[in-house]
Amino acid sequence: MPSKNVKIIAIGLLVMIVGFILMIGGGSSDPNVFNPAMFNFRRLTLAPIVIIIGIVVILWGIMKTPKTPEE
């Protein structure tokens, strides 16, 4: 059974993956056509914030000291 820290790190990794998925898209198959969907709120603001939250969660999972069981 993985420790609590490993679970926190895995959750942070999943949050980062969601952030990268939010960043996908907005391209154009024709290089001469401009696609303004590339510069929308989801790709420029929301996705980087989600990725940073994932990094913070991972760092918290790394730095958190596990509690020792009471005897």
N, C-alpha and C. Protein backbone atom coordinates (compact mmCIF):
# COMPACT_ATOMS: atom_id res chain seq x y z
N MET A 1 0.84 -1.17 0.00
CA MET A 1 0.00 0.00 0.00
C MET A 1 0.89 1.24 0.00
N PRO A 2 0.69 2.13 -0.98
CA PRO A 2 1.56 3.32 -1.05
C PRO A 2 1.29 4.28 0.11
N SER A 3 2.33 5.00 0.46
CA SER A 3 2.19 5.94 1.57
C SER A 3 1.36 7.15 1.12
N LYS A 4 1.00 7.96 2.10
CA LYS A 4 0.18 9.14 1.81
C LYS A 4 0.93 10.12 0.91
N ASN A 5 2.24 10.22 1.08
CA ASN A 5 3.03 11.12 0.25
C ASN A 5 2.99 10.71 -1.22
N VAL A 6 3.06 9.42 -1.48
CA VAL A 6 3.02 8.93 -2.86
C VAL A 6 1.67 9.24 -3.48
N LYS A 7 0.61 9.11 -2.70
CA LYS A 7 -0.73 9.43 -3.20
C LYS A 7 -0.85 10.92 -3.54
N ILE A 8 -0.29 11.77 -2.69
CA ILE A 8 -0.33 13.22 -2.94
C ILE A 8 0.45 13.55 -4.20
N ILE A 9 1.61 12.93 -4.38
CA ILE A 9 2.42 13.16 -5.58
C ILE A 9 1.68 12.68 -6.83
N ALA A 10 1.00 11.55 -6.74
CA ALA A 10 0.23 11.04 -7.88
C ALA A 10 -0.92 11.98 -8.23
N ILE A 11 -1.59 12.54 -7.22
CA ILE A 11 -2.66 13.49 -7.48
C ILE A 11 -2.11 14.74 -8.17
N GLY A 12 -0.96 15.22 -7.70
CA GLY A 12 -0.32 16.37 -8.34
C GLY A 12 0.05 16.10 -9.79
N LEU A 13 0.52 14.89 -10.06
CA LEU A 13 0.87 14.52 -11.42
C LEU A 13 -0.38 14.48 -12.31
N LEU A 14 -1.48 13.96 -11.78
CA LEU A 14 -2.73 13.95 -12.54
C LEU A 14 -3.24 15.36 -12.81
N VAL A 15 -3.09 16.26 -11.84
CA VAL A 15 -3.50 17.65 -12.04
C VAL A 15 -2.64 18.28 -13.14
N MET A 16 -1.36 17.99 -13.15
CA MET A 16 -0.49 18.53 -14.20
C MET A 16 -0.88 17.99 -15.57
N ILE A 17 -1.22 16.71 -15.65
CA ILE A 17 -1.63 16.11 -16.92
C ILE A 17 -2.91 16.78 -17.42
N VAL A 18 -3.85 17.06 -16.51
CA VAL A 18 -5.08 17.77 -16.89
C VAL A 18 -4.73 19.15 -17.44
N GLY A 19 -3.78 19.83 -16.83
CA GLY A 19 -3.35 21.14 -17.32
C GLY A 19 -2.78 21.07 -18.73
N PHE A 20 -1.98 20.05 -19.01
CA PHE A 20 -1.43 19.91 -20.35
C PHE A 20 -2.51 19.54 -21.36
N ILE A 21 -3.50 18.76 -20.93
CA ILE A 21 -4.62 18.43 -21.82
C ILE A 21 -5.42 19.69 -22.14
N LEU A 22 -5.59 20.57 -21.15
CA LEU A 22 -6.30 21.83 -21.41
C LEU A 22 -5.55 22.72 -22.41
N MET A 23 -4.25 22.55 -22.50
CA MET A 23 -3.44 23.37 -23.39
C MET A 23 -3.45 22.88 -24.85
N ILE A 24 -3.96 21.68 -25.07
CA ILE A 24 -3.94 21.08 -26.41
C ILE A 24 -4.89 21.82 -27.35
N GLY A 25 -4.51 21.89 -28.61
CA GLY A 25 -5.40 22.40 -29.66
C GLY A 25 -5.11 23.82 -30.06
N GLY A 26 -5.99 24.32 -30.92
CA GLY A 26 -5.87 25.70 -31.37
C GLY A 26 -5.02 25.89 -32.59
N GLY A 27 -4.50 24.81 -33.13
CA GLY A 27 -3.66 24.93 -34.31
C GLY A 27 -4.48 25.00 -35.58
N SER A 28 -3.81 25.15 -36.69
CA SER A 28 -4.48 25.20 -37.98
C SER A 28 -3.72 24.30 -38.94
N SER A 29 -4.47 23.62 -39.80
CA SER A 29 -3.81 22.74 -40.77
C SER A 29 -3.17 23.55 -41.89
N ASP A 30 -3.66 24.76 -42.13
CA ASP A 30 -3.11 25.63 -43.17
C ASP A 30 -2.27 26.72 -42.50
N PRO A 31 -0.98 26.80 -42.75
CA PRO A 31 -0.14 27.79 -42.07
C PRO A 31 -0.45 29.23 -42.47
N ASN A 32 -1.20 29.44 -43.54
CA ASN A 32 -1.55 30.80 -43.97
C ASN A 32 -2.83 31.31 -43.34
N VAL A 33 -3.50 30.47 -42.56
CA VAL A 33 -4.76 30.85 -41.92
C VAL A 33 -4.51 31.03 -40.43
N PHE A 34 -4.92 32.20 -39.91
CA PHE A 34 -4.77 32.48 -38.48
C PHE A 34 -5.97 31.94 -37.74
N ASN A 35 -5.72 31.23 -36.65
CA ASN A 35 -6.79 30.68 -35.83
C ASN A 35 -6.78 31.39 -34.48
N PRO A 36 -7.74 32.29 -34.22
CA PRO A 36 -7.72 33.02 -32.94
C PRO A 36 -8.05 32.13 -31.74
N ALA A 37 -8.53 30.92 -31.96
CA ALA A 37 -8.81 30.01 -30.84
C ALA A 37 -7.54 29.62 -30.11
N MET A 38 -6.39 29.88 -30.73
CA MET A 38 -5.12 29.56 -30.10
C MET A 38 -4.86 30.45 -28.89
N PHE A 39 -5.48 31.62 -28.86
CA PHE A 39 -5.22 32.58 -27.79
C PHE A 39 -6.44 32.77 -26.90
N ASN A 40 -7.13 31.70 -26.57
CA ASN A 40 -8.30 31.84 -25.70
C ASN A 40 -7.91 31.69 -24.23
N PHE A 41 -8.89 31.93 -23.34
CA PHE A 41 -8.66 31.91 -21.90
C PHE A 41 -8.16 30.56 -21.41
N ARG A 42 -8.71 29.49 -21.95
CA ARG A 42 -8.36 28.14 -21.48
C ARG A 42 -6.88 27.84 -21.70
N ARG A 43 -6.36 28.19 -22.86
CA ARG A 43 -4.97 27.85 -23.19
C ARG A 43 -3.95 28.81 -22.59
N LEU A 44 -4.31 30.10 -22.49
CA LEU A 44 -3.33 31.08 -22.02
C LEU A 44 -3.36 31.32 -20.51
N THR A 45 -4.49 31.07 -19.87
CA THR A 45 -4.60 31.39 -18.45
C THR A 45 -4.89 30.17 -17.60
N LEU A 46 -5.95 29.45 -17.93
CA LEU A 46 -6.38 28.34 -17.08
C LEU A 46 -5.38 27.19 -17.05
N ALA A 47 -4.89 26.77 -18.20
CA ALA A 47 -3.97 25.63 -18.26
C ALA A 47 -2.67 25.88 -17.47
N PRO A 48 -2.01 27.04 -17.64
CA PRO A 48 -0.80 27.26 -16.84
C PRO A 48 -1.07 27.32 -15.33
N ILE A 49 -2.23 27.87 -14.93
CA ILE A 49 -2.56 27.91 -13.51
C ILE A 49 -2.75 26.50 -12.97
N VAL A 50 -3.43 25.64 -13.74
CA VAL A 50 -3.64 24.25 -13.32
C VAL A 50 -2.30 23.52 -13.22
N ILE A 51 -1.40 23.76 -14.16
CA ILE A 51 -0.08 23.11 -14.12
C ILE A 51 0.71 23.57 -12.89
N ILE A 52 0.66 24.85 -12.59
CA ILE A 52 1.37 25.37 -11.41
C ILE A 52 0.78 24.78 -10.13
N ILE A 53 -0.54 24.65 -10.08
CA ILE A 53 -1.17 24.01 -8.91
C ILE A 53 -0.68 22.57 -8.77
N GLY A 54 -0.56 21.85 -9.89
CA GLY A 54 -0.05 20.49 -9.85
C GLY A 54 1.38 20.43 -9.34
N ILE A 55 2.21 21.38 -9.75
CA ILE A 55 3.60 21.43 -9.27
C ILE A 55 3.64 21.69 -7.76
N VAL A 56 2.78 22.61 -7.30
CA VAL A 56 2.74 22.90 -5.86
C VAL A 56 2.28 21.68 -5.07
N VAL A 57 1.31 20.95 -5.59
CA VAL A 57 0.84 19.74 -4.90
C VAL A 57 1.95 18.69 -4.85
N ILE A 58 2.69 18.54 -5.94
CA ILE A 58 3.80 17.59 -5.95
C ILE A 58 4.87 17.99 -4.94
N LEU A 59 5.22 19.28 -4.91
CA LEU A 59 6.22 19.74 -3.95
C LEU A 59 5.73 19.54 -2.52
N TRP A 60 4.44 19.77 -2.27
CA TRP A 60 3.88 19.54 -0.95
C TRP A 60 3.97 18.06 -0.58
N GLY A 61 3.70 17.19 -1.54
CA GLY A 61 3.80 15.75 -1.28
C GLY A 61 5.22 15.31 -0.99
N ILE A 62 6.19 15.96 -1.62
CA ILE A 62 7.59 15.63 -1.39
C ILE A 62 8.05 16.14 -0.01
N MET A 63 7.66 17.36 0.33
CA MET A 63 8.16 18.00 1.54
C MET A 63 7.40 17.57 2.80
N LYS A 64 6.21 17.04 2.66
CA LYS A 64 5.39 16.66 3.83
C LYS A 64 6.06 15.51 4.57
N THR A 65 6.22 15.69 5.87
CA THR A 65 6.81 14.62 6.67
C THR A 65 5.70 13.66 7.11
N PRO A 66 5.91 12.39 6.91
CA PRO A 66 4.86 11.44 7.31
C PRO A 66 4.77 11.36 8.83
N LYS A 67 3.55 11.19 9.29
CA LYS A 67 3.35 11.06 10.73
C LYS A 67 3.76 9.66 11.18
N THR A 68 4.38 9.61 12.33
CA THR A 68 4.76 8.30 12.88
C THR A 68 3.57 7.73 13.61
N PRO A 69 3.32 6.44 13.48
CA PRO A 69 2.16 5.86 14.19
C PRO A 69 2.37 5.89 15.69
N GLU A 70 1.30 6.24 16.39
CA GLU A 70 1.38 6.29 17.85
C GLU A 70 1.28 4.89 18.42
N GLU A 71 2.05 4.62 19.43
CA GLU A 71 2.07 3.29 20.02
C GLU A 71 1.32 3.27 21.33
